[in-house]
Amino acid sequence: MSAPPEHRSDTSSTPSSAPLAGSAGRPPVDKRTFAVAASVVVLFLLVGTVWPTQLKSGADAALEVVVGDFGWAFVLGATGFVVLALVLAFSRFGRIRLGRDEDRPEHSRASWIAMMFSAGMGIGLMFYGVTEPVTHLMTVPQNDQTPGSQAAATEAMNYSLFHWGLHPWAIYAVVGLALAYSSYRKERAGGFSAAFAPLLRGRRGRSAARVIDVFAIFATLFGSAVSLGLGAAQMNGGLTEVFGVPNSTSVKALIIAVLTVCFIVSAISGIERGIKWLSNTNMVLALALLFFLFVVGPTVFMLNLVPASAGNYLSALPTMATRTGAFGGTDWLSAWTLFYWAWWVSWTPFVGAFLAKISKGRTIREFIVGVMLVPTAVSLVWFSVLGGAAIDLQRKFVDGTGGIDIAGISDQESQMFTFLGQFPWAGFTSVLVVVLVAIFFVSGADASSIVMGSLSSYGVDEPQKWLVALWGALMGLVAIVLFFAGGLEALQDVTIIAAAPFLVIMAFMAVALVKDLARDPKITSPKRRSGDRRDPRVTAADREWDSPVPTHVEATPPAPGADASR
């Protein structure tokens, strides 16, 4: 995804969506973007290896500036993406298709939902499904409720859903929509930076596009490293609980190293054999765990909790969405809300590109509704079952009527397994969680390594395998180095710092998307167009965003009688 040449309107040019070809027919590598991004990452690894203490202190200082002076930007930015996504979905823009008018989705809805959910936040839900609700229950976010009380339980569920509901998926939806529209509707080559075409012109535009791609690689790498760290920590906690394996940084590093090899193998196998199979498998296993806990846990309480939590979350959403540290609580916001928003922002190049890749042929309305509402509904059920059962156990402990002090366990990675120990078949379910986290680890990381390969290969769908493997290895090494430099806290701090500049890039992407949509022929003309007779502004012929490398053109007319029911 390198910077393209200047825009031009030569209608005789070949379509920019044609596959890119390098020497010997291999996908090309954007050497400048790759060299800059890889060099900075290698330098970061050297500093973290030789001077881990200095790296941690420098990250702490930078974090204080970002949170203290720019925390408001994360709050406004996240809420702004929710508003923009809903406006695009339920306005006239919603009927625009992400592709040609005759295009239809390539994946079934079930596989589509499974892939986007697994890649979006699989490990996080496993790690925080129990930990976050009980932590908020005993350390109330607003500090005006009695810990362990019914009011505190309501607040705990509200903030858990706030952090895992509409806001993160709106962030993903807007970026994924911009990339899908640019790639499949406008048929631009260039991948991620191509979505900025309405704002970039000339030599400066080409330089800016290359900078955008480099920052996208940084955001993807550090955001994914946090997930690797969470996954390794929780797997270590499960292995300690079940098999007595030591809970240490060295063991976590070994877990990351082993699973890094696994996700590199999965990544170079391609989306169909790798990510899709793993995502479908994990969805079945996660639903099995959810159903088991629903049956053996406080079932009636969970059933009551689903509608109550949904209503409380929606009613409290305006207050939570606009809360900043103006009147205190900065430390809590930094540890939770700002970290989450930064984490989601850092994941947008990876998840957005992945969502775009699997969503060709869907309408904007279907895309946004699916990306925002379905995972939010799943998060509601997930936290109502796991979080609800954990809250029930914690409140019984506080009241002295039984239960267990889950929040009192210092190692967050062990809280899930302490929770499972209160129900039947604890050994089996603990092993199942370890397997789930491992598969989430692999399915998320292999997708991100493919995206980083694409970012440094002019946006091609299938970058060279050595490049994918290299980015996967660097991502694993970053997670290991940060673990030794300061553990999960260091991972979280660096994520917030890396996400800050990328939040500005995302704001410009939203502006470029709106400018593009305002000129779409579905909006500017009442006449419905299809095939090659549609407005040339949505064909590749106008060459708004040209490819900097040779392209191969192969005309592929739409298949007659294409199935529109998928």
Protein backbone atom coordinates (compact mmCIF):
# COMPACT_ATOMS: atom_id res chain seq x y z
CA MET A 1 0.00 0.00 0.00
CA SER A 2 2.43 2.57 -1.11
CA ALA A 3 1.89 6.06 -2.38
CA PRO A 4 0.47 6.06 -5.89
CA PRO A 5 1.33 8.44 -8.70
CA GLU A 6 -0.66 11.56 -9.41
CA HIS A 7 -4.34 11.21 -10.22
CA ARG A 8 -5.39 11.47 -13.80
CA SER A 9 -8.52 10.87 -15.80
CA ASP A 10 -7.19 8.93 -18.74
CA THR A 11 -10.15 6.74 -19.63
CA SER A 12 -7.98 4.55 -21.78
CA SER A 13 -6.05 3.29 -18.78
CA THR A 14 -6.42 -0.23 -17.53
CA PRO A 15 -8.57 -0.94 -14.51
CA SER A 16 -6.78 -0.26 -11.25
CA SER A 17 -8.42 -3.16 -9.51
CA ALA A 18 -6.55 -5.62 -11.68
CA PRO A 19 -4.06 -7.80 -9.85
CA LEU A 20 -0.66 -6.28 -9.35
CA ALA A 21 2.34 -8.14 -10.69
CA GLY A 22 5.99 -7.88 -9.74
CA SER A 23 8.98 -9.68 -11.13
CA ALA A 24 8.35 -13.28 -12.14
CA GLY A 25 4.63 -12.77 -11.57
CA ARG A 26 5.02 -12.44 -7.80
CA PRO A 27 3.10 -9.77 -5.87
CA PRO A 28 5.23 -6.61 -5.63
CA VAL A 29 6.79 -5.27 -2.44
CA ASP A 30 6.70 -1.54 -1.71
CA LYS A 31 10.35 -1.36 -0.74
CA ARG A 32 10.24 2.16 0.70
CA THR A 33 7.24 1.60 2.95
CA PHE A 34 8.54 -1.78 4.04
CA ALA A 35 12.06 -0.50 4.70
CA VAL A 36 10.92 2.45 6.83
CA ALA A 37 8.37 0.49 8.85
CA ALA A 38 10.58 -2.56 9.39
CA SER A 39 13.60 -0.44 10.33
CA VAL A 40 11.66 1.45 13.01
CA VAL A 41 10.28 -1.81 14.43
CA VAL A 42 13.74 -3.41 14.52
CA LEU A 43 15.13 -0.30 16.23
CA PHE A 44 12.32 -0.49 18.79
CA LEU A 45 13.18 -4.15 19.43
CA LEU A 46 16.86 -3.30 19.93
CA VAL A 47 16.06 -0.51 22.40
CA GLY A 48 13.62 -2.72 24.27
CA THR A 49 16.14 -5.55 24.46
CA VAL A 50 19.17 -3.47 25.51
CA TRP A 51 17.44 -0.77 27.59
CA PRO A 52 14.10 -2.20 28.79
CA THR A 53 13.94 0.08 31.84
CA GLN A 54 14.51 3.21 29.77
CA LEU A 55 11.89 2.05 27.27
CA LYS A 56 9.35 1.64 30.07
CA SER A 57 10.12 5.04 31.62
CA GLY A 58 9.95 6.76 28.24
CA ALA A 59 6.62 5.10 27.48
CA ASP A 60 5.27 6.23 30.87
CA ALA A 61 6.26 9.83 30.19
CA ALA A 62 4.72 9.81 26.72
CA LEU A 63 1.57 8.17 28.06
CA GLU A 64 1.13 10.91 30.66
CA VAL A 65 1.16 13.53 27.92
CA VAL A 66 -1.23 11.63 25.65
CA VAL A 67 -3.76 10.89 28.39
CA GLY A 68 -3.48 14.23 30.17
CA ASP A 69 -3.62 16.49 27.11
CA PHE A 70 -5.41 14.44 24.46
CA GLY A 71 -7.70 12.04 26.31
CA TRP A 72 -10.66 14.15 25.22
CA ALA A 73 -9.78 13.47 21.57
CA PHE A 74 -10.19 9.72 22.05
CA VAL A 75 -13.56 10.25 23.76
CA LEU A 76 -14.92 12.59 21.07
CA GLY A 77 -13.42 10.54 18.25
CA ALA A 78 -14.95 7.24 19.35
CA THR A 79 -18.39 8.78 19.85
CA GLY A 80 -18.11 10.64 16.55
CA PHE A 81 -17.58 7.37 14.70
CA VAL A 82 -20.77 5.95 16.24
CA VAL A 83 -22.77 8.94 15.02
CA LEU A 84 -21.22 8.86 11.54
CA ALA A 85 -21.80 5.13 11.12
CA LEU A 86 -25.48 5.38 12.08
CA VAL A 87 -26.02 8.37 9.78
CA LEU A 88 -24.47 6.54 6.82
CA ALA A 89 -26.44 3.37 7.49
CA PHE A 90 -29.89 4.93 7.80
CA SER A 91 -29.58 7.69 5.23
CA ARG A 92 -29.73 7.49 1.44
CA PHE A 93 -26.10 6.34 1.46
CA GLY A 94 -27.19 3.02 2.94
CA ARG A 95 -28.36 1.60 -0.39
CA ILE A 96 -24.94 1.97 -2.06
CA ARG A 97 -23.34 -1.40 -2.68
CA LEU A 98 -19.70 -2.11 -1.83
CA GLY A 99 -18.82 -3.15 -5.34
CA ARG A 100 -20.55 -3.03 -8.69
CA ASP A 101 -24.31 -2.85 -8.62
CA GLU A 102 -24.58 -6.47 -9.69
CA ASP A 103 -22.04 -7.80 -7.14
CA ARG A 104 -23.26 -10.06 -4.33
CA PRO A 105 -21.53 -11.26 -1.13
CA GLU A 106 -18.89 -13.97 -1.48
CA HIS A 107 -19.39 -15.41 2.04
CA SER A 108 -22.53 -16.61 3.77
CA ARG A 109 -23.80 -14.43 6.62
CA ALA A 110 -22.85 -17.06 9.21
CA SER A 111 -19.24 -17.27 8.00
CA TRP A 112 -19.10 -13.49 7.58
CA ILE A 113 -20.18 -12.89 11.18
CA ALA A 114 -17.88 -15.60 12.52
CA MET A 115 -14.82 -14.23 10.71
CA MET A 116 -15.35 -10.60 11.67
CA PHE A 117 -16.10 -11.45 15.30
CA SER A 118 -13.13 -13.78 15.76
CA ALA A 119 -10.71 -11.36 14.15
CA GLY A 120 -12.21 -8.33 15.89
CA MET A 121 -11.90 -9.08 19.58
CA GLY A 122 -11.82 -12.79 20.34
CA ILE A 123 -8.96 -12.89 22.86
CA GLY A 124 -10.20 -9.77 24.61
CA LEU A 125 -13.61 -11.24 25.36
CA MET A 126 -12.01 -14.36 26.79
CA PHE A 127 -9.68 -12.30 28.97
CA TYR A 128 -12.12 -9.62 30.14
CA GLY A 129 -15.42 -11.55 30.08
CA VAL A 130 -15.10 -12.29 33.81
CA THR A 131 -12.39 -9.84 34.87
CA GLU A 132 -13.95 -6.54 33.78
CA PRO A 133 -17.43 -6.88 35.36
CA VAL A 134 -16.12 -8.03 38.76
CA THR A 135 -13.38 -5.37 38.73
CA HIS A 136 -15.93 -2.61 38.08
CA LEU A 137 -18.20 -4.14 40.71
CA MET A 138 -15.55 -3.70 43.39
CA THR A 139 -13.89 -0.56 41.96
CA VAL A 140 -16.89 1.42 40.78
CA PRO A 141 -16.13 3.58 37.69
CA GLN A 142 -18.04 6.64 38.92
CA ASN A 143 -16.87 6.26 42.54
CA ASP A 144 -20.30 7.16 43.87
CA GLN A 145 -21.66 3.67 44.51
CA THR A 146 -20.96 1.19 47.29
CA PRO A 147 -18.63 -1.58 46.00
CA GLY A 148 -20.47 -4.86 45.64
CA SER A 149 -23.92 -3.25 45.76
CA GLN A 150 -26.74 -3.67 43.28
CA ALA A 151 -26.09 -0.17 41.93
CA ALA A 152 -22.42 -1.04 41.48
CA ALA A 153 -23.41 -4.22 39.60
CA THR A 154 -25.52 -2.14 37.21
CA GLU A 155 -22.62 0.25 36.68
CA ALA A 156 -20.25 -2.68 36.08
CA MET A 157 -22.43 -4.12 33.33
CA ASN A 158 -22.98 -0.69 31.78
CA TYR A 159 -19.27 -0.01 31.37
CA SER A 160 -18.47 -3.55 30.24
CA LEU A 161 -20.99 -3.20 27.41
CA PHE A 162 -19.85 0.36 26.74
CA HIS A 163 -16.29 -0.83 26.14
CA TRP A 164 -17.32 -3.83 24.01
CA GLY A 165 -20.50 -2.68 22.29
CA LEU A 166 -21.38 -0.05 19.72
CA HIS A 167 -18.31 2.16 20.07
CA PRO A 168 -15.54 -0.28 19.09
CA TRP A 169 -17.57 -1.77 16.27
CA ALA A 170 -18.50 1.66 14.93
CA ILE A 171 -14.78 2.47 14.75
CA TYR A 172 -14.18 -0.74 12.82
CA ALA A 173 -17.23 -0.16 10.62
CA VAL A 174 -16.24 3.30 9.40
CA VAL A 175 -12.68 2.28 8.51
CA GLY A 176 -13.80 -1.01 6.95
CA LEU A 177 -16.45 0.85 4.96
CA ALA A 178 -13.94 3.39 3.64
CA LEU A 179 -11.58 0.63 2.52
CA ALA A 180 -14.30 -1.52 0.96
CA TYR A 181 -15.83 1.43 -0.89
CA SER A 182 -12.44 2.54 -2.22
CA SER A 183 -11.39 -0.96 -3.30
CA TYR A 184 -14.63 -2.42 -4.64
CA ARG A 185 -16.83 0.53 -5.57
CA LYS A 186 -14.22 2.98 -6.85
CA GLU A 187 -11.90 0.10 -7.85
CA ARG A 188 -8.75 1.91 -6.75
CA ALA A 189 -5.41 0.20 -6.39
CA GLY A 190 -3.20 1.10 -3.46
CA GLY A 191 -5.15 -0.44 -0.58
CA PHE A 192 -5.31 1.50 2.68
CA SER A 193 -3.95 4.87 1.54
CA ALA A 194 -6.17 4.75 -1.57
CA ALA A 195 -9.18 5.56 0.62
CA PHE A 196 -7.68 9.05 1.08
CA ALA A 197 -7.75 9.78 -2.67
CA PRO A 198 -10.27 12.66 -2.43
CA LEU A 199 -7.88 14.52 -0.10
CA LEU A 200 -4.47 13.76 -1.64
CA ARG A 201 -3.10 15.26 -4.81
CA GLY A 202 0.28 15.54 -6.51
CA ARG A 203 3.74 14.87 -5.10
CA ARG A 204 2.81 15.84 -1.54
CA GLY A 205 -0.18 13.55 -1.73
CA ARG A 206 2.03 10.62 -2.69
CA SER A 207 4.35 11.31 0.25
CA ALA A 208 1.42 11.63 2.63
CA ALA A 209 -0.02 8.34 1.39
CA ARG A 210 3.24 6.55 2.15
CA VAL A 211 3.30 8.06 5.66
CA ILE A 212 -0.28 6.86 6.19
CA ASP A 213 0.66 3.29 5.25
CA VAL A 214 3.67 3.32 7.58
CA PHE A 215 1.56 4.52 10.52
CA ALA A 216 -1.05 1.91 9.66
CA ILE A 217 1.61 -0.79 9.96
CA PHE A 218 2.73 0.58 13.34
CA ALA A 219 -0.82 0.72 14.67
CA THR A 220 -1.57 -2.81 13.48
CA LEU A 221 1.61 -4.27 14.91
CA PHE A 222 1.38 -2.73 18.38
CA GLY A 223 -2.37 -3.25 18.69
CA SER A 224 -2.01 -6.90 17.76
CA ALA A 225 0.91 -7.28 20.18
CA VAL A 226 -1.45 -6.39 23.04
CA SER A 227 -3.76 -9.21 22.02
CA LEU A 228 -0.84 -11.61 21.85
CA GLY A 229 0.16 -10.55 25.34
CA LEU A 230 -3.35 -10.99 26.74
CA GLY A 231 -3.67 -14.38 25.09
CA ALA A 232 -0.30 -15.60 26.35
CA ALA A 233 -1.04 -14.37 29.88
CA GLN A 234 -4.40 -16.11 30.03
CA MET A 235 -3.05 -19.33 28.55
CA ASN A 236 -0.28 -19.27 31.15
CA GLY A 237 -2.92 -18.78 33.86
CA GLY A 238 -4.91 -21.76 32.58
CA LEU A 239 -1.87 -24.01 32.31
CA THR A 240 -0.92 -23.02 35.86
CA GLU A 241 -4.41 -23.80 37.15
CA VAL A 242 -4.76 -27.16 35.39
CA PHE A 243 -1.23 -28.51 35.04
CA GLY A 244 0.79 -26.52 37.57
CA VAL A 245 2.96 -24.81 34.94
CA PRO A 246 4.86 -21.83 36.47
CA ASN A 247 3.24 -18.46 35.88
CA SER A 248 6.17 -16.36 34.69
CA THR A 249 7.28 -13.98 31.97
CA SER A 250 9.54 -16.66 30.48
CA VAL A 251 6.63 -19.08 30.09
CA LYS A 252 4.50 -16.34 28.49
CA ALA A 253 7.32 -15.57 26.07
CA LEU A 254 7.59 -19.25 25.16
CA ILE A 255 3.82 -19.42 24.54
CA ILE A 256 4.04 -16.40 22.24
CA ALA A 257 6.96 -17.95 20.36
CA VAL A 258 5.21 -21.27 19.81
CA LEU A 259 1.90 -19.74 18.74
CA THR A 260 3.69 -17.22 16.51
CA VAL A 261 4.97 -20.14 14.46
CA CYS A 262 1.41 -21.52 14.35
CA PHE A 263 -0.21 -18.32 13.13
CA ILE A 264 2.49 -17.74 10.53
CA VAL A 265 1.72 -21.18 9.09
CA SER A 266 -1.99 -20.36 9.18
CA ALA A 267 -1.47 -16.94 7.59
CA ILE A 268 0.50 -18.17 4.60
CA SER A 269 -2.15 -20.84 3.96
CA GLY A 270 -4.62 -18.15 2.85
CA ILE A 271 -7.97 -16.86 4.06
CA GLU A 272 -10.07 -19.84 3.04
CA ARG A 273 -7.98 -22.60 4.61
CA GLY A 274 -6.66 -20.53 7.49
CA ILE A 275 -8.73 -17.74 9.01
CA LYS A 276 -12.16 -18.95 7.86
CA TRP A 277 -11.72 -22.48 9.23
CA LEU A 278 -10.30 -21.26 12.53
CA SER A 279 -13.03 -18.64 12.95
CA ASN A 280 -15.85 -21.10 12.37
CA THR A 281 -14.27 -23.62 14.74
CA ASN A 282 -13.85 -21.05 17.48
CA MET A 283 -17.39 -19.77 17.13
CA VAL A 284 -18.73 -23.29 17.77
CA LEU A 285 -16.44 -23.84 20.77
CA ALA A 286 -17.24 -20.42 22.27
CA LEU A 287 -20.99 -21.01 21.90
CA ALA A 288 -20.58 -24.42 23.57
CA LEU A 289 -18.80 -22.81 26.55
CA LEU A 290 -21.45 -20.09 26.72
CA PHE A 291 -24.32 -22.59 26.68
CA PHE A 292 -22.66 -24.77 29.34
CA LEU A 293 -22.20 -21.84 31.74
CA PHE A 294 -25.75 -20.68 31.02
CA VAL A 295 -27.10 -24.10 32.06
CA VAL A 296 -24.96 -24.70 35.15
CA GLY A 297 -24.84 -21.07 36.29
CA PRO A 298 -27.58 -18.80 37.71
CA THR A 299 -29.78 -19.20 34.62
CA VAL A 300 -32.76 -17.13 35.77
CA PHE A 301 -30.48 -14.29 36.87
CA MET A 302 -28.78 -14.33 33.46
CA LEU A 303 -32.13 -14.24 31.64
CA ASN A 304 -33.17 -11.24 33.71
CA LEU A 305 -29.80 -9.61 33.15
CA VAL A 306 -29.93 -9.56 29.33
CA PRO A 307 -32.86 -7.13 28.86
CA ALA A 308 -32.01 -5.17 32.00
CA SER A 309 -28.39 -4.67 30.89
CA ALA A 310 -29.44 -3.68 27.37
CA GLY A 311 -31.84 -1.03 28.67
CA ASN A 312 -29.44 0.31 31.30
CA TYR A 313 -26.60 0.45 28.77
CA LEU A 314 -28.62 2.42 26.23
CA SER A 315 -29.96 4.85 28.84
CA ALA A 316 -26.50 5.46 30.32
CA LEU A 317 -24.75 5.59 26.94
CA PRO A 318 -24.81 9.42 26.45
CA THR A 319 -23.21 9.99 29.86
CA MET A 320 -20.57 7.30 29.44
CA ALA A 321 -19.79 8.34 25.85
CA THR A 322 -18.97 11.91 26.87
CA ARG A 323 -17.14 11.26 30.14
CA THR A 324 -13.65 12.78 30.32
CA GLY A 325 -11.24 13.49 33.16
CA ALA A 326 -12.37 17.09 33.55
CA PHE A 327 -13.67 16.42 37.07
CA GLY A 328 -11.27 13.69 38.10
CA GLY A 329 -11.05 9.97 37.47
CA THR A 330 -8.22 10.29 34.94
CA ASP A 331 -6.40 7.23 36.26
CA TRP A 332 -9.48 5.05 35.86
CA LEU A 333 -10.18 6.42 32.37
CA SER A 334 -6.59 5.79 31.33
CA ALA A 335 -6.66 2.21 32.60
CA TRP A 336 -9.99 1.36 30.99
CA THR A 337 -11.86 3.61 28.54
CA LEU A 338 -8.90 5.39 26.95
CA PHE A 339 -6.95 2.15 26.73
CA TYR A 340 -9.88 0.45 25.03
CA TRP A 341 -10.43 3.28 22.54
CA ALA A 342 -6.71 3.32 21.74
CA TRP A 343 -6.71 -0.46 21.38
CA TRP A 344 -9.63 -0.39 18.96
CA VAL A 345 -8.07 2.50 17.00
CA SER A 346 -4.79 0.62 16.69
CA TRP A 347 -6.67 -2.42 15.38
CA THR A 348 -8.56 -0.51 12.67
CA PRO A 349 -6.04 -0.96 9.81
CA PHE A 350 -6.06 -4.70 10.46
CA VAL A 351 -9.75 -5.27 11.28
CA GLY A 352 -10.95 -2.63 8.82
CA ALA A 353 -8.98 -4.16 5.95
CA PHE A 354 -10.12 -7.62 6.96
CA LEU A 355 -13.78 -6.56 7.16
CA ALA A 356 -13.48 -4.91 3.76
CA LYS A 357 -11.96 -8.03 2.24
CA ILE A 358 -14.80 -10.29 3.39
CA SER A 359 -17.65 -7.80 2.72
CA LYS A 360 -17.53 -7.18 -1.02
CA GLY A 361 -21.02 -7.06 -2.51
CA ARG A 362 -22.92 -6.01 0.61
CA THR A 363 -24.75 -2.70 0.86
CA ILE A 364 -23.53 0.02 3.21
CA ARG A 365 -26.63 -0.44 5.36
CA GLU A 366 -26.15 -4.20 5.62
CA PHE A 367 -22.45 -3.77 6.32
CA ILE A 368 -22.85 -1.24 9.14
CA VAL A 369 -25.83 -2.94 10.75
CA GLY A 370 -24.05 -6.29 10.62
CA VAL A 371 -20.71 -4.99 11.86
CA MET A 372 -22.19 -2.88 14.69
CA LEU A 373 -25.30 -4.64 15.93
CA VAL A 374 -24.51 -8.35 15.65
CA PRO A 375 -21.23 -8.28 17.63
CA THR A 376 -22.80 -5.87 20.14
CA ALA A 377 -25.65 -8.34 20.69
CA VAL A 378 -23.13 -11.16 21.11
CA SER A 379 -21.17 -9.05 23.63
CA LEU A 380 -24.41 -8.43 25.54
CA VAL A 381 -25.09 -12.16 25.83
CA TRP A 382 -21.45 -12.97 26.57
CA PHE A 383 -21.16 -10.50 29.46
CA SER A 384 -24.62 -11.39 30.76
CA VAL A 385 -23.60 -15.06 31.04
CA LEU A 386 -19.93 -14.92 32.09
CA GLY A 387 -20.00 -11.52 33.73
CA GLY A 388 -23.41 -12.12 35.27
CA ALA A 389 -22.32 -15.40 36.84
CA ALA A 390 -19.09 -13.78 38.09
CA ILE A 391 -20.99 -10.84 39.59
CA ASP A 392 -23.36 -13.27 41.29
CA LEU A 393 -20.42 -15.14 42.89
CA GLN A 394 -18.67 -11.91 43.90
CA ARG A 395 -21.79 -10.40 45.51
CA LYS A 396 -22.43 -13.60 47.45
CA PHE A 397 -18.89 -13.35 48.80
CA VAL A 398 -19.42 -9.71 49.77
CA ASP A 399 -22.71 -10.57 51.51
CA GLY A 400 -21.10 -13.52 53.28
CA THR A 401 -23.49 -16.07 51.75
CA GLY A 402 -20.93 -18.07 49.78
CA GLY A 403 -19.38 -17.34 46.40
CA ILE A 404 -15.72 -16.46 45.99
CA ASP A 405 -13.58 -13.32 45.86
CA ILE A 406 -12.72 -13.27 42.14
CA ALA A 407 -11.79 -9.59 42.14
CA GLY A 408 -9.35 -10.18 44.99
CA ILE A 409 -7.10 -12.36 42.84
CA SER A 410 -4.12 -10.23 41.88
CA ASP A 411 -3.35 -12.02 38.60
CA GLN A 412 -6.11 -11.08 36.17
CA GLU A 413 -5.17 -13.93 33.85
CA SER A 414 -6.14 -16.42 36.59
CA GLN A 415 -9.56 -14.93 37.38
CA MET A 416 -11.35 -16.76 34.57
CA PHE A 417 -10.07 -20.12 35.80
CA THR A 418 -10.95 -19.38 39.43
CA PHE A 419 -14.43 -18.56 38.16
CA LEU A 420 -14.66 -21.82 36.20
CA GLY A 421 -13.56 -23.73 39.29
CA GLN A 422 -16.91 -22.93 40.93
CA PHE A 423 -18.83 -24.98 38.36
CA PRO A 424 -18.84 -28.65 37.29
CA TRP A 425 -16.20 -30.02 34.92
CA ALA A 426 -13.79 -27.23 35.86
CA GLY A 427 -10.78 -29.08 34.46
CA PHE A 428 -12.44 -29.66 31.11
CA THR A 429 -13.76 -26.09 30.75
CA SER A 430 -10.37 -24.67 31.76
CA VAL A 431 -8.68 -26.66 29.01
CA LEU A 432 -11.39 -25.56 26.59
CA VAL A 433 -10.69 -21.91 27.43
CA VAL A 434 -6.98 -22.42 26.82
CA VAL A 435 -7.78 -23.97 23.43
CA LEU A 436 -10.18 -21.13 22.60
CA VAL A 437 -7.60 -18.50 23.47
CA ALA A 438 -4.97 -20.34 21.40
CA ILE A 439 -7.23 -20.43 18.34
CA PHE A 440 -8.28 -16.79 18.83
CA PHE A 441 -4.57 -16.00 19.13
CA VAL A 442 -3.81 -17.70 15.83
CA SER A 443 -6.87 -16.50 13.89
CA GLY A 444 -6.40 -12.86 14.92
CA ALA A 445 -2.65 -12.76 14.51
CA ASP A 446 -2.55 -14.46 11.12
CA ALA A 447 -5.08 -11.99 9.77
CA SER A 448 -3.05 -9.03 11.06
CA SER A 449 0.20 -10.38 9.58
CA ILE A 450 -1.50 -10.73 6.19
CA VAL A 451 -2.77 -7.14 6.46
CA MET A 452 0.71 -5.83 7.33
CA GLY A 453 2.08 -7.71 4.35
CA SER A 454 -0.60 -6.10 2.20
CA LEU A 455 0.16 -2.64 3.64
CA SER A 456 3.75 -3.01 2.45
CA SER A 457 2.79 -4.50 -0.93
CA TYR A 458 0.67 -1.82 -2.61
CA GLY A 459 -2.51 -3.25 -1.09
CA VAL A 460 -2.47 -6.62 -2.87
CA ASP A 461 -4.82 -9.24 -1.41
CA GLU A 462 -2.16 -11.96 -1.25
CA PRO A 463 1.29 -10.56 -0.40
CA GLN A 464 4.37 -12.70 -0.71
CA LYS A 465 4.57 -15.40 1.94
CA TRP A 466 8.02 -14.42 3.20
CA LEU A 467 6.74 -10.91 3.87
CA VAL A 468 3.73 -12.18 5.81
CA ALA A 469 5.99 -14.48 7.83
CA LEU A 470 8.42 -11.66 8.59
CA TRP A 471 5.71 -9.30 9.88
CA GLY A 472 4.26 -12.12 11.96
CA ALA A 473 7.66 -12.82 13.51
CA LEU A 474 8.27 -9.12 14.25
CA MET A 475 4.85 -8.85 15.88
CA GLY A 476 5.59 -11.79 18.16
CA LEU A 477 9.01 -10.35 19.07
CA VAL A 478 7.46 -6.97 19.97
CA ALA A 479 5.03 -8.69 22.33
CA ILE A 480 7.87 -10.65 23.97
CA VAL A 481 10.12 -7.59 24.38
CA LEU A 482 7.33 -5.52 25.92
CA PHE A 483 6.50 -8.36 28.30
CA PHE A 484 10.06 -8.30 29.62
CA ALA A 485 10.05 -4.48 29.68
CA GLY A 486 6.94 -4.18 31.84
CA GLY A 487 4.38 -6.89 31.21
CA LEU A 488 0.80 -6.20 30.16
CA GLU A 489 1.02 -2.64 31.45
CA ALA A 490 3.85 -1.87 29.03
CA LEU A 491 1.84 -3.39 26.16
CA GLN A 492 -1.15 -1.22 27.02
CA ASP A 493 0.90 1.96 27.40
CA VAL A 494 2.62 1.58 24.02
CA THR A 495 -0.72 0.87 22.36
CA ILE A 496 -2.22 4.16 23.58
CA ILE A 497 0.86 6.06 22.42
CA ALA A 498 0.89 4.41 18.97
CA ALA A 499 -2.84 4.98 18.50
CA ALA A 500 -2.77 8.74 19.20
CA PRO A 501 -1.43 9.89 15.79
CA PHE A 502 -3.48 7.28 14.00
CA LEU A 503 -6.68 8.75 15.46
CA VAL A 504 -5.98 11.89 13.42
CA ILE A 505 -5.45 9.78 10.29
CA MET A 506 -8.81 8.08 10.89
CA ALA A 507 -10.55 11.44 11.14
CA PHE A 508 -9.23 12.41 7.70
CA MET A 509 -10.30 9.01 6.37
CA ALA A 510 -13.86 9.72 7.52
CA VAL A 511 -13.81 13.06 5.69
CA ALA A 512 -12.53 11.38 2.51
CA LEU A 513 -15.25 8.71 2.75
CA VAL A 514 -18.04 11.28 3.04
CA LYS A 515 -16.66 13.19 0.04
CA ASP A 516 -16.58 9.98 -1.98
CA LEU A 517 -20.12 8.98 -1.04
CA ALA A 518 -21.52 12.41 -1.85
CA ARG A 519 -20.37 11.93 -5.47
CA ASP A 520 -21.59 8.35 -5.86
CA PRO A 521 -23.95 7.93 -8.87
CA LYS A 522 -26.51 6.24 -6.61
CA ILE A 523 -26.78 9.60 -4.90
CA THR A 524 -26.23 11.99 -7.80
CA SER A 525 -28.50 10.26 -10.30
CA PRO A 526 -31.99 8.78 -9.89
CA LYS A 527 -31.27 6.27 -12.65
CA ARG A 528 -30.21 2.79 -11.50
CA ARG A 529 -27.09 1.63 -13.31
CA SER A 530 -25.59 -1.83 -13.67
CA GLY A 531 -22.61 -3.49 -15.32
CA ASP A 532 -20.44 -1.47 -17.66
CA ARG A 533 -23.26 0.97 -18.41
CA ARG A 534 -23.07 2.57 -14.98
CA ASP A 535 -21.54 5.95 -14.34
CA PRO A 536 -17.80 5.92 -15.18
CA ARG A 537 -17.05 7.54 -11.83
CA VAL A 538 -17.52 4.19 -10.17
CA THR A 539 -15.45 2.28 -12.70
CA ALA A 540 -11.68 1.99 -12.75
CA ALA A 541 -11.55 3.87 -16.03
CA ASP A 542 -11.19 7.30 -14.48
CA ARG A 543 -8.00 6.12 -12.75
CA GLU A 544 -8.42 8.34 -9.69
CA TRP A 545 -5.91 6.24 -7.81
CA ASP A 546 -3.49 4.52 -10.13
CA SER A 547 -1.14 1.65 -9.40
CA PRO A 548 2.59 2.45 -9.29
CA VAL A 549 3.50 -0.97 -10.68
CA PRO A 550 2.51 -2.82 -13.88
CA THR A 551 -0.95 -4.34 -13.91
CA HIS A 552 -2.40 -7.28 -15.74
CA VAL A 553 -5.91 -6.86 -17.09
CA GLU A 554 -8.32 -9.68 -17.54
CA ALA A 555 -11.88 -8.83 -18.45
CA THR A 556 -14.37 -10.74 -16.33
CA PRO A 557 -18.00 -10.00 -17.24
CA PRO A 558 -20.56 -10.63 -14.51
CA ALA A 559 -21.95 -14.14 -14.56
CA PRO A 560 -25.49 -14.27 -15.96
CA GLY A 561 -28.18 -15.13 -13.48
CA ALA A 562 -25.96 -14.56 -10.46
CA ASP A 563 -27.54 -15.71 -7.20
CA ALA A 564 -28.71 -12.64 -5.29
CA SER A 565 -30.02 -14.51 -2.26
CA ARG A 566 -26.66 -14.96 -0.50
